[in-house]
Amino acid sequence: MKLTGEGTLLRIFIGESDKVHHQSLFEAIVLAAREHGLAGSTVLRGVEGFGAKSRTIHSAKILRLSEDLPIVVEIVDTEEKVKAFLFVVDKLLESAGGGAMVTLEKVDVIRYSAGKSTAA
């Protein structure tokens, strides 16, 4: 797959404890992105944050270890493919029933390539 030039970054902000069909929501999103042929995805685990309810700050501080840290799933591909995938994301978020924020932004893809295979 070739991907250079203008692309779109999809960011999905969720909680670590969000589940869909007995699976972590972030895992379900990543698997769905792969199944839909998107260029790639990355899951980032935050050390502290709060969401729309703003009642509690979730933190990884040693004395207050949270089990619901912020998670950000990032996916980059062409605008068309990312926008088509939004329907899938929406269905997963609805099934999970948790809070979320989804953002899109334009990005310049400088390089997208597979690394050298080390398999024999």
PDB file of N, CA and C in Angstrom:
ATOM      1  N   MET A   1       0.850  -1.183   0.000  1.00  0.00           N
ATOM      2  CA  MET A   1       0.000   0.000   0.000  1.00  0.00           C
ATOM      3  C   MET A   1       0.886   1.233   0.000  1.00  0.00           C
ATOM      4  N   LYS A   2       0.552   2.186  -0.829  1.00  0.00           N
ATOM      5  CA  LYS A   2       1.300   3.438  -0.883  1.00  0.00           C
ATOM      6  C   LYS A   2       0.458   4.532  -0.236  1.00  0.00           C
ATOM      7  N   LEU A   3       1.069   5.255   0.670  1.00  0.00           N
ATOM      8  CA  LEU A   3       0.384   6.355   1.339  1.00  0.00           C
ATOM      9  C   LEU A   3       1.394   7.463   1.583  1.00  0.00           C
ATOM     10  N   THR A   4       1.320   8.505   0.790  1.00  0.00           N
ATOM     11  CA  THR A   4       2.141   9.686   1.002  1.00  0.00           C
ATOM     12  C   THR A   4       1.306  10.905   0.647  1.00  0.00           C
ATOM     13  N   GLY A   5       1.734  12.041   1.131  1.00  0.00           N
ATOM     14  CA  GLY A   5       1.005  13.270   0.864  1.00  0.00           C
ATOM     15  C   GLY A   5      -0.070  13.506   1.904  1.00  0.00           C
ATOM     16  N   GLU A   6      -1.173  14.089   1.461  1.00  0.00           N
ATOM     17  CA  GLU A   6      -2.234  14.444   2.406  1.00  0.00           C
ATOM     18  C   GLU A   6      -2.983  13.213   2.900  1.00  0.00           C
ATOM     19  N   GLY A   7      -3.119  13.130   4.202  1.00  0.00           N
ATOM     20  CA  GLY A   7      -3.870  12.054   4.833  1.00  0.00           C
ATOM     21  C   GLY A   7      -4.752  12.630   5.923  1.00  0.00           C
ATOM     22  N   THR A   8      -5.445  11.746   6.620  1.00  0.00           N
ATOM     23  CA  THR A   8      -6.309  12.153   7.721  1.00  0.00           C
ATOM     24  C   THR A   8      -5.974  11.327   8.951  1.00  0.00           C
ATOM     25  N   LEU A   9      -5.863  12.018  10.077  1.00  0.00           N
ATOM     26  CA  LEU A   9      -5.611  11.375  11.361  1.00  0.00           C
ATOM     27  C   LEU A   9      -6.918  11.317  12.137  1.00  0.00           C
ATOM     28  N   LEU A  10      -7.309  10.120  12.496  1.00  0.00           N
ATOM     29  CA  LEU A  10      -8.484   9.876  13.332  1.00  0.00           C
ATOM     30  C   LEU A  10      -7.982   9.602  14.739  1.00  0.00           C
ATOM     31  N   ARG A  11      -8.469  10.370  15.709  1.00  0.00           N
ATOM     32  CA  ARG A  11      -8.125  10.145  17.118  1.00  0.00           C
ATOM     33  C   ARG A  11      -9.392   9.811  17.874  1.00  0.00           C
ATOM     34  N   ILE A  12      -9.318   8.755  18.655  1.00  0.00           N
ATOM     35  CA  ILE A  12     -10.463   8.316  19.444  1.00  0.00           C
ATOM     36  C   ILE A  12     -10.021   8.280  20.902  1.00  0.00           C
ATOM     37  N   PHE A  13     -10.628   9.123  21.722  1.00  0.00           N
ATOM     38  CA  PHE A  13     -10.309   9.213  23.142  1.00  0.00           C
ATOM     39  C   PHE A  13     -11.341   8.405  23.909  1.00  0.00           C
ATOM     40  N   ILE A  14     -10.881   7.384  24.630  1.00  0.00           N
ATOM     41  CA  ILE A  14     -11.766   6.508  25.398  1.00  0.00           C
ATOM     42  C   ILE A  14     -11.112   6.191  26.744  1.00  0.00           C
ATOM     43  N   GLY A  15     -11.774   5.373  27.533  1.00  0.00           N
ATOM     44  CA  GLY A  15     -11.223   4.925  28.805  1.00  0.00           C
ATOM     45  C   GLY A  15     -10.699   3.510  28.700  1.00  0.00           C
ATOM     46  N   GLU A  16      -9.704   3.218  29.487  1.00  0.00           N
ATOM     47  CA  GLU A  16      -9.066   1.902  29.469  1.00  0.00           C
ATOM     48  C   GLU A  16     -10.028   0.777  29.834  1.00  0.00           C
ATOM     49  N   SER A  17     -10.999   1.063  30.677  1.00  0.00           N
ATOM     50  CA  SER A  17     -11.919   0.011  31.114  1.00  0.00           C
ATOM     51  C   SER A  17     -13.114  -0.179  30.175  1.00  0.00           C
ATOM     52  N   ASP A  18     -13.220   0.621  29.107  1.00  0.00           N
ATOM     53  CA  ASP A  18     -14.333   0.475  28.163  1.00  0.00           C
ATOM     54  C   ASP A  18     -14.239  -0.864  27.441  1.00  0.00           C
ATOM     55  N   LYS A  19     -15.356  -1.552  27.390  1.00  0.00           N
ATOM     56  CA  LYS A  19     -15.417  -2.884  26.777  1.00  0.00           C
ATOM     57  C   LYS A  19     -16.539  -2.934  25.750  1.00  0.00           C
ATOM     58  N   VAL A  20     -16.365  -3.803  24.776  1.00  0.00           N
ATOM     59  CA  VAL A  20     -17.408  -4.113  23.806  1.00  0.00           C
ATOM     60  C   VAL A  20     -17.343  -5.616  23.551  1.00  0.00           C
ATOM     61  N   HIS A  21     -18.446  -6.292  23.798  1.00  0.00           N
ATOM     62  CA  HIS A  21     -18.521  -7.755  23.623  1.00  0.00           C
ATOM     63  C   HIS A  21     -17.389  -8.477  24.368  1.00  0.00           C
ATOM     64  N   HIS A  22     -17.162  -8.136  25.624  1.00  0.00           N
ATOM     65  CA  HIS A  22     -16.162  -8.766  26.503  1.00  0.00           C
ATOM     66  C   HIS A  22     -14.731  -8.572  26.014  1.00  0.00           C
ATOM     67  N   GLN A  23     -14.492  -7.525  25.233  1.00  0.00           N
ATOM     68  CA  GLN A  23     -13.167  -7.225  24.708  1.00  0.00           C
ATOM     69  C   GLN A  23     -12.888  -5.747  24.970  1.00  0.00           C
ATOM     70  N   SER A  24     -11.642  -5.407  25.196  1.00  0.00           N
ATOM     71  CA  SER A  24     -11.288  -4.003  25.361  1.00  0.00           C
ATOM     72  C   SER A  24     -11.705  -3.239  24.114  1.00  0.00           C
ATOM     73  N   LEU A  25     -12.318  -2.078  24.313  1.00  0.00           N
ATOM     74  CA  LEU A  25     -12.785  -1.275  23.189  1.00  0.00           C
ATOM     75  C   LEU A  25     -11.637  -0.894  22.274  1.00  0.00           C
ATOM     76  N   PHE A  26     -10.485  -0.532  22.852  1.00  0.00           N
ATOM     77  CA  PHE A  26      -9.363  -0.144  22.001  1.00  0.00           C
ATOM     78  C   PHE A  26      -8.892  -1.298  21.127  1.00  0.00           C
ATOM     79  N   GLU A  27      -8.934  -2.526  21.660  1.00  0.00           N
ATOM     80  CA  GLU A  27      -8.559  -3.695  20.857  1.00  0.00           C
ATOM     81  C   GLU A  27      -9.556  -3.923  19.726  1.00  0.00           C
ATOM     82  N   ALA A  28     -10.829  -3.754  20.032  1.00  0.00           N
ATOM     83  CA  ALA A  28     -11.867  -3.933  19.009  1.00  0.00           C
ATOM     84  C   ALA A  28     -11.701  -2.908  17.889  1.00  0.00           C
ATOM     85  N   ILE A  29     -11.356  -1.679  18.235  1.00  0.00           N
ATOM     86  CA  ILE A  29     -11.160  -0.638  17.222  1.00  0.00           C
ATOM     87  C   ILE A  29      -9.958  -0.968  16.340  1.00  0.00           C
ATOM     88  N   VAL A  30      -8.857  -1.382  16.950  1.00  0.00           N
ATOM     89  CA  VAL A  30      -7.645  -1.709  16.191  1.00  0.00           C
ATOM     90  C   VAL A  30      -7.910  -2.890  15.252  1.00  0.00           C
ATOM     91  N   LEU A  31      -8.571  -3.924  15.750  1.00  0.00           N
ATOM     92  CA  LEU A  31      -8.881  -5.082  14.903  1.00  0.00           C
ATOM     93  C   LEU A  31      -9.793  -4.693  13.748  1.00  0.00           C
ATOM     94  N   ALA A  32     -10.785  -3.859  14.018  1.00  0.00           N
ATOM     95  CA  ALA A  32     -11.700  -3.408  12.963  1.00  0.00           C
ATOM     96  C   ALA A  32     -10.948  -2.579  11.928  1.00  0.00           C
ATOM     97  N   ALA A  33     -10.025  -1.739  12.370  1.00  0.00           N
ATOM     98  CA  ALA A  33      -9.237  -0.930  11.437  1.00  0.00           C
ATOM     99  C   ALA A  33      -8.407  -1.827  10.518  1.00  0.00           C
ATOM    100  N   ARG A  34      -7.824  -2.857  11.087  1.00  0.00           N
ATOM    101  CA  ARG A  34      -7.034  -3.788  10.265  1.00  0.00           C
ATOM    102  C   ARG A  34      -7.930  -4.531   9.279  1.00  0.00           C
ATOM    103  N   GLU A  35      -9.096  -4.985   9.755  1.00  0.00           N
ATOM    104  CA  GLU A  35     -10.034  -5.691   8.880  1.00  0.00           C
ATOM    105  C   GLU A  35     -10.528  -4.815   7.734  1.00  0.00           C
ATOM    106  N   HIS A  36     -10.605  -3.503   7.965  1.00  0.00           N
ATOM    107  CA  HIS A  36     -11.071  -2.577   6.935  1.00  0.00           C
ATOM    108  C   HIS A  36      -9.933  -2.044   6.064  1.00  0.00           C
ATOM    109  N   GLY A  37      -8.731  -2.580   6.257  1.00  0.00           N
ATOM    110  CA  GLY A  37      -7.607  -2.248   5.393  1.00  0.00           C
ATOM    111  C   GLY A  37      -7.010  -0.868   5.587  1.00  0.00           C
ATOM    112  N   LEU A  38      -7.184  -0.298   6.775  1.00  0.00           N
ATOM    113  CA  LEU A  38      -6.595   1.004   7.043  1.00  0.00           C
ATOM    114  C   LEU A  38      -5.074   0.861   7.187  1.00  0.00           C
ATOM    115  N   ALA A  39      -4.362   1.942   6.948  1.00  0.00           N
ATOM    116  CA  ALA A  39      -2.896   1.902   6.880  1.00  0.00           C
ATOM    117  C   ALA A  39      -2.242   1.445   8.180  1.00  0.00           C
ATOM    118  N   GLY A  40      -2.780   1.859   9.322  1.00  0.00           N
ATOM    119  CA  GLY A  40      -2.188   1.464  10.586  1.00  0.00           C
ATOM    120  C   GLY A  40      -2.842   2.169  11.744  1.00  0.00           C
ATOM    121  N   SER A  41      -2.602   1.675  12.933  1.00  0.00           N
ATOM    122  CA  SER A  41      -3.159   2.300  14.126  1.00  0.00           C
ATOM    123  C   SER A  41      -2.183   2.147  15.281  1.00  0.00           C
ATOM    124  N   THR A  42      -2.319   3.040  16.242  1.00  0.00           N
ATOM    125  CA  THR A  42      -1.502   3.022  17.445  1.00  0.00           C
ATOM    126  C   THR A  42      -2.399   3.318  18.632  1.00  0.00           C
ATOM    127  N   VAL A  43      -2.181   2.614  19.732  1.00  0.00           N
ATOM    128  CA  VAL A  43      -2.918   2.857  20.968  1.00  0.00           C
ATOM    129  C   VAL A  43      -1.955   3.470  21.968  1.00  0.00           C
ATOM    130  N   LEU A  44      -2.353   4.619  22.525  1.00  0.00           N
ATOM    131  CA  LEU A  44      -1.544   5.321  23.517  1.00  0.00           C
ATOM    132  C   LEU A  44      -2.274   5.309  24.850  1.00  0.00           C
ATOM    133  N   ARG A  45      -1.556   4.998  25.913  1.00  0.00           N
ATOM    134  CA  ARG A  45      -2.133   4.976  27.259  1.00  0.00           C
ATOM    135  C   ARG A  45      -1.678   6.225  27.993  1.00  0.00           C
ATOM    136  N   GLY A  46      -2.638   7.017  28.409  1.00  0.00           N
ATOM    137  CA  GLY A  46      -2.321   8.253  29.115  1.00  0.00           C
ATOM    138  C   GLY A  46      -1.977   8.008  30.573  1.00  0.00           C
ATOM    139  N   VAL A  47      -1.266   8.936  31.169  1.00  0.00           N
ATOM    140  CA  VAL A  47      -0.926   8.831  32.585  1.00  0.00           C
ATOM    141  C   VAL A  47      -1.899   9.590  33.462  1.00  0.00           C
ATOM    142  N   GLU A  48      -2.672  10.512  32.850  1.00  0.00           N
ATOM    143  CA  GLU A  48      -3.645  11.259  33.625  1.00  0.00           C
ATOM    144  C   GLU A  48      -4.607  11.945  32.668  1.00  0.00           C
ATOM    145  N   GLY A  49      -5.843  12.109  33.102  1.00  0.00           N
ATOM    146  CA  GLY A  49      -6.806  12.822  32.280  1.00  0.00           C
ATOM    147  C   GLY A  49      -8.197  12.774  32.876  1.00  0.00           C
ATOM    148  N   PHE A  50      -9.112  13.493  32.228  1.00  0.00           N
ATOM    149  CA  PHE A  50     -10.515  13.455  32.617  1.00  0.00           C
ATOM    150  C   PHE A  50     -11.339  13.629  31.365  1.00  0.00           C
ATOM    151  N   GLY A  51     -12.598  13.248  31.462  1.00  0.00           N
ATOM    152  CA  GLY A  51     -13.459  13.296  30.292  1.00  0.00           C
ATOM    153  C   GLY A  51     -14.645  14.209  30.481  1.00  0.00           C
ATOM    154  N   ALA A  52     -15.696  13.933  29.739  1.00  0.00           N
ATOM    155  CA  ALA A  52     -16.868  14.801  29.695  1.00  0.00           C
ATOM    156  C   ALA A  52     -17.546  14.945  31.052  1.00  0.00           C
ATOM    157  N   LYS A  53     -17.516  13.903  31.856  1.00  0.00           N
ATOM    158  CA  LYS A  53     -18.138  13.997  33.183  1.00  0.00           C
ATOM    159  C   LYS A  53     -17.337  14.883  34.122  1.00  0.00           C
ATOM    160  N   SER A  54     -16.031  14.946  33.933  1.00  0.00           N
ATOM    161  CA  SER A  54     -15.114  15.823  34.672  1.00  0.00           C
ATOM    162  C   SER A  54     -15.188  15.688  36.186  1.00  0.00           C
ATOM    163  N   ARG A  55     -15.711  14.612  36.690  1.00  0.00           N
ATOM    164  CA  ARG A  55     -15.830  14.453  38.146  1.00  0.00           C
ATOM    165  C   ARG A  55     -14.549  13.944  38.774  1.00  0.00           C
ATOM    166  N   THR A  56     -13.877  13.040  38.100  1.00  0.00           N
ATOM    167  CA  THR A  56     -12.692  12.421  38.667  1.00  0.00           C
ATOM    168  C   THR A  56     -11.545  12.517  37.675  1.00  0.00           C
ATOM    169  N   ILE A  57     -10.373  12.826  38.187  1.00  0.00           N
ATOM    170  CA  ILE A  57      -9.183  12.767  37.348  1.00  0.00           C
ATOM    171  C   ILE A  57      -8.612  11.366  37.493  1.00  0.00           C
ATOM    172  N   HIS A  58      -8.466  10.692  36.377  1.00  0.00           N
ATOM    173  CA  HIS A  58      -7.888   9.354  36.364  1.00  0.00           C
ATOM    174  C   HIS A  58      -6.382   9.503  36.243  1.00  0.00           C
ATOM    175  N   SER A  59      -5.652   8.859  37.146  1.00  0.00           N
ATOM    176  CA  SER A  59      -4.218   9.083  37.218  1.00  0.00           C
ATOM    177  C   SER A  59      -3.471   7.779  37.450  1.00  0.00           C
ATOM    178  N   ALA A  60      -2.230   7.729  36.983  1.00  0.00           N
ATOM    179  CA  ALA A  60      -1.364   6.579  37.203  1.00  0.00           C
ATOM    180  C   ALA A  60      -0.399   6.822  38.355  1.00  0.00           C
ATOM    181  N   LYS A  61      -0.660   7.833  39.179  1.00  0.00           N
ATOM    182  CA  LYS A  61       0.204   8.110  40.315  1.00  0.00           C
ATOM    183  C   LYS A  61       0.205   6.894  41.239  1.00  0.00           C
ATOM    184  N   ILE A  62       1.335   6.620  41.813  1.00  0.00           N
ATOM    185  CA  ILE A  62       1.537   5.399  42.597  1.00  0.00           C
ATOM    186  C   ILE A  62       0.543   5.250  43.753  1.00  0.00           C
ATOM    187  N   LEU A  63       0.156   6.336  44.378  1.00  0.00           N
ATOM    188  CA  LEU A  63      -0.757   6.242  45.506  1.00  0.00           C
ATOM    189  C   LEU A  63      -2.224   6.167  45.083  1.00  0.00           C
ATOM    190  N   ARG A  64      -2.521   6.474  43.822  1.00  0.00           N
ATOM    191  CA  ARG A  64      -3.896   6.476  43.333  1.00  0.00           C
ATOM    192  C   ARG A  64      -3.975   5.792  41.984  1.00  0.00           C
ATOM    193  N   LEU A  65      -3.562   4.544  41.936  1.00  0.00           N
ATOM    194  CA  LEU A  65      -3.511   3.834  40.666  1.00  0.00           C
ATOM    195  C   LEU A  65      -4.905   3.618  40.111  1.00  0.00           C
ATOM    196  N   SER A  66      -5.208   4.252  39.007  1.00  0.00           N
ATOM    197  CA  SER A  66      -6.514   4.149  38.373  1.00  0.00           C
ATOM    198  C   SER A  66      -6.563   2.925  37.471  1.00  0.00           C
ATOM    199  N   GLU A  67      -7.723   2.313  37.407  1.00  0.00           N
ATOM    200  CA  GLU A  67      -7.924   1.202  36.486  1.00  0.00           C
ATOM    201  C   GLU A  67      -8.660   1.673  35.236  1.00  0.00           C
ATOM    202  N   ASP A  68      -8.822   2.968  35.081  1.00  0.00           N
ATOM    203  CA  ASP A  68      -9.511   3.509  33.919  1.00  0.00           C
ATOM    204  C   ASP A  68      -8.749   4.709  33.376  1.00  0.00           C
ATOM    205  N   LEU A  69      -7.493   4.461  33.012  1.00  0.00           N
ATOM    206  CA  LEU A  69      -6.669   5.535  32.470  1.00  0.00           C
ATOM    207  C   LEU A  69      -7.145   5.912  31.070  1.00  0.00           C
ATOM    208  N   PRO A  70      -6.798   7.124  30.637  1.00  0.00           N
ATOM    209  CA  PRO A  70      -7.195   7.543  29.293  1.00  0.00           C
ATOM    210  C   PRO A  70      -6.462   6.722  28.224  1.00  0.00           C
ATOM    211  N   ILE A  71      -7.183   6.420  27.164  1.00  0.00           N
ATOM    212  CA  ILE A  71      -6.622   5.714  26.009  1.00  0.00           C
ATOM    213  C   ILE A  71      -6.902   6.557  24.777  1.00  0.00           C
ATOM    214  N   VAL A  72      -5.909   6.687  23.914  1.00  0.00           N
ATOM    215  CA  VAL A  72      -6.091   7.360  22.631  1.00  0.00           C
ATOM    216  C   VAL A  72      -5.720   6.367  21.534  1.00  0.00           C
ATOM    217  N   VAL A  73      -6.649   6.144  20.620  1.00  0.00           N
ATOM    218  CA  VAL A  73      -6.381   5.306  19.453  1.00  0.00           C
ATOM    219  C   VAL A  73      -6.184   6.254  18.276  1.00  0.00           C
ATOM    220  N   GLU A  74      -5.041   6.138  17.611  1.00  0.00           N
ATOM    221  CA  GLU A  74      -4.762   6.969  16.446  1.00  0.00           C
ATOM    222  C   GLU A  74      -4.706   6.096  15.199  1.00  0.00           C
ATOM    223  N   ILE A  75      -5.372   6.567  14.150  1.00  0.00           N
ATOM    224  CA  ILE A  75      -5.405   5.852  12.881  1.00  0.00           C
ATOM    225  C   ILE A  75      -5.174   6.882  11.777  1.00  0.00           C
ATOM    226  N   VAL A  76      -4.259   6.566  10.849  1.00  0.00           N
ATOM    227  CA  VAL A  76      -3.980   7.467   9.733  1.00  0.00           C
ATOM    228  C   VAL A  76      -4.203   6.721   8.423  1.00  0.00           C
ATOM    229  N   ASP A  77      -4.890   7.371   7.508  1.00  0.00           N
ATOM    230  CA  ASP A  77      -5.077   6.842   6.159  1.00  0.00           C
ATOM    231  C   ASP A  77      -5.598   7.981   5.292  1.00  0.00           C
ATOM    232  N   THR A  78      -6.094   7.658   4.121  1.00  0.00           N
ATOM    233  CA  THR A  78      -6.676   8.688   3.270  1.00  0.00           C
ATOM    234  C   THR A  78      -7.975   9.187   3.901  1.00  0.00           C
ATOM    235  N   GLU A  79      -8.369  10.390   3.547  1.00  0.00           N
ATOM    236  CA  GLU A  79      -9.605  10.950   4.083  1.00  0.00           C
ATOM    237  C   GLU A  79     -10.802  10.054   3.785  1.00  0.00           C
ATOM    238  N   GLU A  80     -10.878   9.534   2.583  1.00  0.00           N
ATOM    239  CA  GLU A  80     -12.008   8.693   2.188  1.00  0.00           C
ATOM    240  C   GLU A  80     -12.111   7.437   3.049  1.00  0.00           C
ATOM    241  N   LYS A  81     -10.973   6.762   3.249  1.00  0.00           N
ATOM    242  CA  LYS A  81     -10.993   5.525   4.033  1.00  0.00           C
ATOM    243  C   LYS A  81     -11.305   5.793   5.500  1.00  0.00           C
ATOM    244  N   VAL A  82     -10.747   6.868   6.052  1.00  0.00           N
ATOM    245  CA  VAL A  82     -10.996   7.203   7.457  1.00  0.00           C
ATOM    246  C   VAL A  82     -12.466   7.574   7.657  1.00  0.00           C
ATOM    247  N   LYS A  83     -13.006   8.395   6.770  1.00  0.00           N
ATOM    248  CA  LYS A  83     -14.411   8.802   6.917  1.00  0.00           C
ATOM    249  C   LYS A  83     -15.353   7.617   6.757  1.00  0.00           C
ATOM    250  N   ALA A  84     -15.033   6.678   5.886  1.00  0.00           N
ATOM    251  CA  ALA A  84     -15.849   5.473   5.743  1.00  0.00           C
ATOM    252  C   ALA A  84     -15.792   4.620   7.010  1.00  0.00           C
ATOM    253  N   PHE A  85     -14.648   4.650   7.696  1.00  0.00           N
ATOM    254  CA  PHE A  85     -14.466   3.857   8.918  1.00  0.00           C
ATOM    255  C   PHE A  85     -15.195   4.458  10.117  1.00  0.00           C
ATOM    256  N   LEU A  86     -15.553   5.726  10.054  1.00  0.00           N
ATOM    257  CA  LEU A  86     -16.250   6.379  11.167  1.00  0.00           C
ATOM    258  C   LEU A  86     -17.551   5.668  11.538  1.00  0.00           C
ATOM    259  N   PHE A  87     -18.236   5.090  10.566  1.00  0.00           N
ATOM    260  CA  PHE A  87     -19.465   4.342  10.836  1.00  0.00           C
ATOM    261  C   PHE A  87     -19.168   3.164  11.773  1.00  0.00           C
ATOM    262  N   VAL A  88     -18.086   2.466  11.517  1.00  0.00           N
ATOM    263  CA  VAL A  88     -17.683   1.328  12.348  1.00  0.00           C
ATOM    264  C   VAL A  88     -17.336   1.798  13.754  1.00  0.00           C
ATOM    265  N   VAL A  89     -16.574   2.883  13.845  1.00  0.00           N
ATOM    266  CA  VAL A  89     -16.201   3.444  15.146  1.00  0.00           C
ATOM    267  C   VAL A  89     -17.439   3.812  15.939  1.00  0.00           C
ATOM    268  N   ASP A  90     -18.385   4.466  15.286  1.00  0.00           N
ATOM    269  CA  ASP A  90     -19.610   4.880  15.959  1.00  0.00           C
ATOM    270  C   ASP A  90     -20.367   3.680  16.516  1.00  0.00           C
ATOM    271  N   LYS A  91     -20.463   2.621  15.749  1.00  0.00           N
ATOM    272  CA  LYS A  91     -21.155   1.404  16.208  1.00  0.00           C
ATOM    273  C   LYS A  91     -20.442   0.787  17.414  1.00  0.00           C
ATOM    274  N   LEU A  92     -19.127   0.743  17.383  1.00  0.00           N
ATOM    275  CA  LEU A  92     -18.368   0.192  18.511  1.00  0.00           C
ATOM    276  C   LEU A  92     -18.539   1.049  19.757  1.00  0.00           C
ATOM    277  N   LEU A  93     -18.486   2.374  19.590  1.00  0.00           N
ATOM    278  CA  LEU A  93     -18.661   3.262  20.735  1.00  0.00           C
ATOM    279  C   LEU A  93     -20.064   3.128  21.320  1.00  0.00           C
ATOM    280  N   GLU A  94     -21.068   3.017  20.476  1.00  0.00           N
ATOM    281  CA  GLU A  94     -22.445   2.832  20.946  1.00  0.00           C
ATOM    282  C   GLU A  94     -22.579   1.525  21.722  1.00  0.00           C
ATOM    283  N   SER A  95     -21.979   0.465  21.206  1.00  0.00           N
ATOM    284  CA  SER A  95     -22.040  -0.843  21.878  1.00  0.00           C
ATOM    285  C   SER A  95     -21.343  -0.816  23.229  1.00  0.00           C
ATOM    286  N   ALA A  96     -20.249  -0.050  23.323  1.00  0.00           N
ATOM    287  CA  ALA A  96     -19.499   0.025  24.580  1.00  0.00           C
ATOM    288  C   ALA A  96     -20.257   0.836  25.621  1.00  0.00           C
ATOM    289  N   GLY A  97     -21.006   1.832  25.180  1.00  0.00           N
ATOM    290  CA  GLY A  97     -21.808   2.635  26.097  1.00  0.00           C
ATOM    291  C   GLY A  97     -21.034   3.604  26.963  1.00  0.00           C
ATOM    292  N   GLY A  98     -19.758   3.764  26.727  1.00  0.00           N
ATOM    293  CA  GLY A  98     -18.959   4.693  27.520  1.00  0.00           C
ATOM    294  C   GLY A  98     -18.844   6.039  26.844  1.00  0.00           C
ATOM    295  N   GLY A  99     -18.170   6.951  27.504  1.00  0.00           N
ATOM    296  CA  GLY A  99     -17.924   8.250  26.918  1.00  0.00           C
ATOM    297  C   GLY A  99     -16.769   8.177  25.938  1.00  0.00           C
ATOM    298  N   ALA A 100     -16.746   9.097  25.005  1.00  0.00           N
ATOM    299  CA  ALA A 100     -15.675   9.129  24.014  1.00  0.00           C
ATOM    300  C   ALA A 100     -15.632  10.494  23.351  1.00  0.00           C
ATOM    301  N   MET A 101     -14.498  10.786  22.752  1.00  0.00           N
ATOM    302  CA  MET A 101     -14.383  11.948  21.874  1.00  0.00           C
ATOM    303  C   MET A 101     -13.639  11.469  20.636  1.00  0.00           C
ATOM    304  N   VAL A 102     -14.122  11.871  19.464  1.00  0.00           N
ATOM    305  CA  VAL A 102     -13.518  11.478  18.199  1.00  0.00           C
ATOM    306  C   VAL A 102     -13.157  12.752  17.445  1.00  0.00           C
ATOM    307  N   THR A 103     -11.913  12.829  16.972  1.00  0.00           N
ATOM    308  CA  THR A 103     -11.474  13.996  16.221  1.00  0.00           C
ATOM    309  C   THR A 103     -10.822  13.562  14.910  1.00  0.00           C
ATOM    310  N   LEU A 104     -10.842  14.480  13.947  1.00  0.00           N
ATOM    311  CA  LEU A 104     -10.164  14.285  12.664  1.00  0.00           C
ATOM    312  C   LEU A 104      -9.277  15.486  12.406  1.00  0.00           C
ATOM    313  N   GLU A 105      -8.126  15.247  11.797  1.00  0.00           N
ATOM    314  CA  GLU A 105      -7.297  16.364  11.364  1.00  0.00           C
ATOM    315  C   GLU A 105      -6.488  15.949  10.147  1.00  0.00           C
ATOM    316  N   LYS A 106      -6.195  16.927   9.336  1.00  0.00           N
ATOM    317  CA  LYS A 106      -5.368  16.701   8.146  1.00  0.00           C
ATOM    318  C   LYS A 106      -3.922  16.517   8.577  1.00  0.00           C
ATOM    319  N   VAL A 107      -3.237  15.598   7.927  1.00  0.00           N
ATOM    320  CA  VAL A 107      -1.819  15.372   8.195  1.00  0.00           C
ATOM    321  C   VAL A 107      -1.084  15.215   6.874  1.00  0.00           C
ATOM    322  N   ASP A 108       0.204  15.522   6.879  1.00  0.00           N
ATOM    323  CA  ASP A 108       1.072  15.253   5.735  1.00  0.00           C
ATOM    324  C   ASP A 108       1.844  13.978   6.035  1.00  0.00           C
ATOM    325  N   VAL A 109       1.602  12.953   5.255  1.00  0.00           N
ATOM    326  CA  VAL A 109       2.307  11.690   5.431  1.00  0.00           C
ATOM    327  C   VAL A 109       3.631  11.803   4.682  1.00  0.00           C
ATOM    328  N   ILE A 110       4.711  11.769   5.430  1.00  0.00           N
ATOM    329  CA  ILE A 110       6.050  11.913   4.860  1.00  0.00           C
ATOM    330  C   ILE A 110       6.587  10.561   4.412  1.00  0.00           C
ATOM    331  N   ARG A 111       6.353   9.559   5.230  1.00  0.00           N
ATOM    332  CA  ARG A 111       6.826   8.222   4.905  1.00  0.00           C
ATOM    333  C   ARG A 111       5.890   7.188   5.502  1.00  0.00           C
ATOM    334  N   TYR A 112       5.574   6.174   4.724  1.00  0.00           N
ATOM    335  CA  TYR A 112       4.778   5.039   5.194  1.00  0.00           C
ATOM    336  C   TYR A 112       5.354   3.814   4.524  1.00  0.00           C
ATOM    337  N   SER A 113       6.062   2.997   5.293  1.00  0.00           N
ATOM    338  CA  SER A 113       6.694   1.806   4.700  1.00  0.00           C
ATOM    339  C   SER A 113       6.840   0.733   5.761  1.00  0.00           C
ATOM    340  N   ALA A 114       6.852  -0.487   5.306  1.00  0.00           N
ATOM    341  CA  ALA A 114       7.076  -1.626   6.195  1.00  0.00           C
ATOM    342  C   ALA A 114       8.554  -1.729   6.495  1.00  0.00           C
ATOM    343  N   GLY A 115       8.877  -2.194   7.693  1.00  0.00           N
ATOM    344  CA  GLY A 115      10.271  -2.415   8.043  1.00  0.00           C
ATOM    345  C   GLY A 115      10.788  -3.680   7.376  1.00  0.00           C
ATOM    346  N   LYS A 116      12.072  -3.902   7.480  1.00  0.00           N
ATOM    347  CA  LYS A 116      12.675  -5.106   6.925  1.00  0.00           C
ATOM    348  C   LYS A 116      12.257  -6.304   7.734  1.00  0.00           C
ATOM    349  N   SER A 117      11.889  -7.353   7.081  1.00  0.00           N
ATOM    350  CA  SER A 117      11.461  -8.573   7.751  1.00  0.00           C
ATOM    351  C   SER A 117      12.677  -9.279   8.337  1.00  0.00           C
ATOM    352  N   THR A 118      12.528  -9.723   9.608  1.00  0.00           N
ATOM    353  CA  THR A 118      13.609 -10.469  10.252  1.00  0.00           C
ATOM    354  C   THR A 118      13.287 -11.946  10.304  1.00  0.00           C
ATOM    355  N   ALA A 119      12.115 -12.321   9.772  1.00  0.00           N
ATOM    356  CA  ALA A 119      11.727 -13.727   9.758  1.00  0.00           C
ATOM    357  C   ALA A 119      12.567 -14.491   8.739  1.00  0.00           C
ATOM    358  N   ALA A 120      12.919 -15.714   9.107  1.00  0.00           N
ATOM    359  CA  ALA A 120      13.741 -16.524   8.210  1.00  0.00           C
ATOM    360  C   ALA A 120      12.899 -17.282   7.218  1.00  0.00           C
TER     361      ALA A 120
END
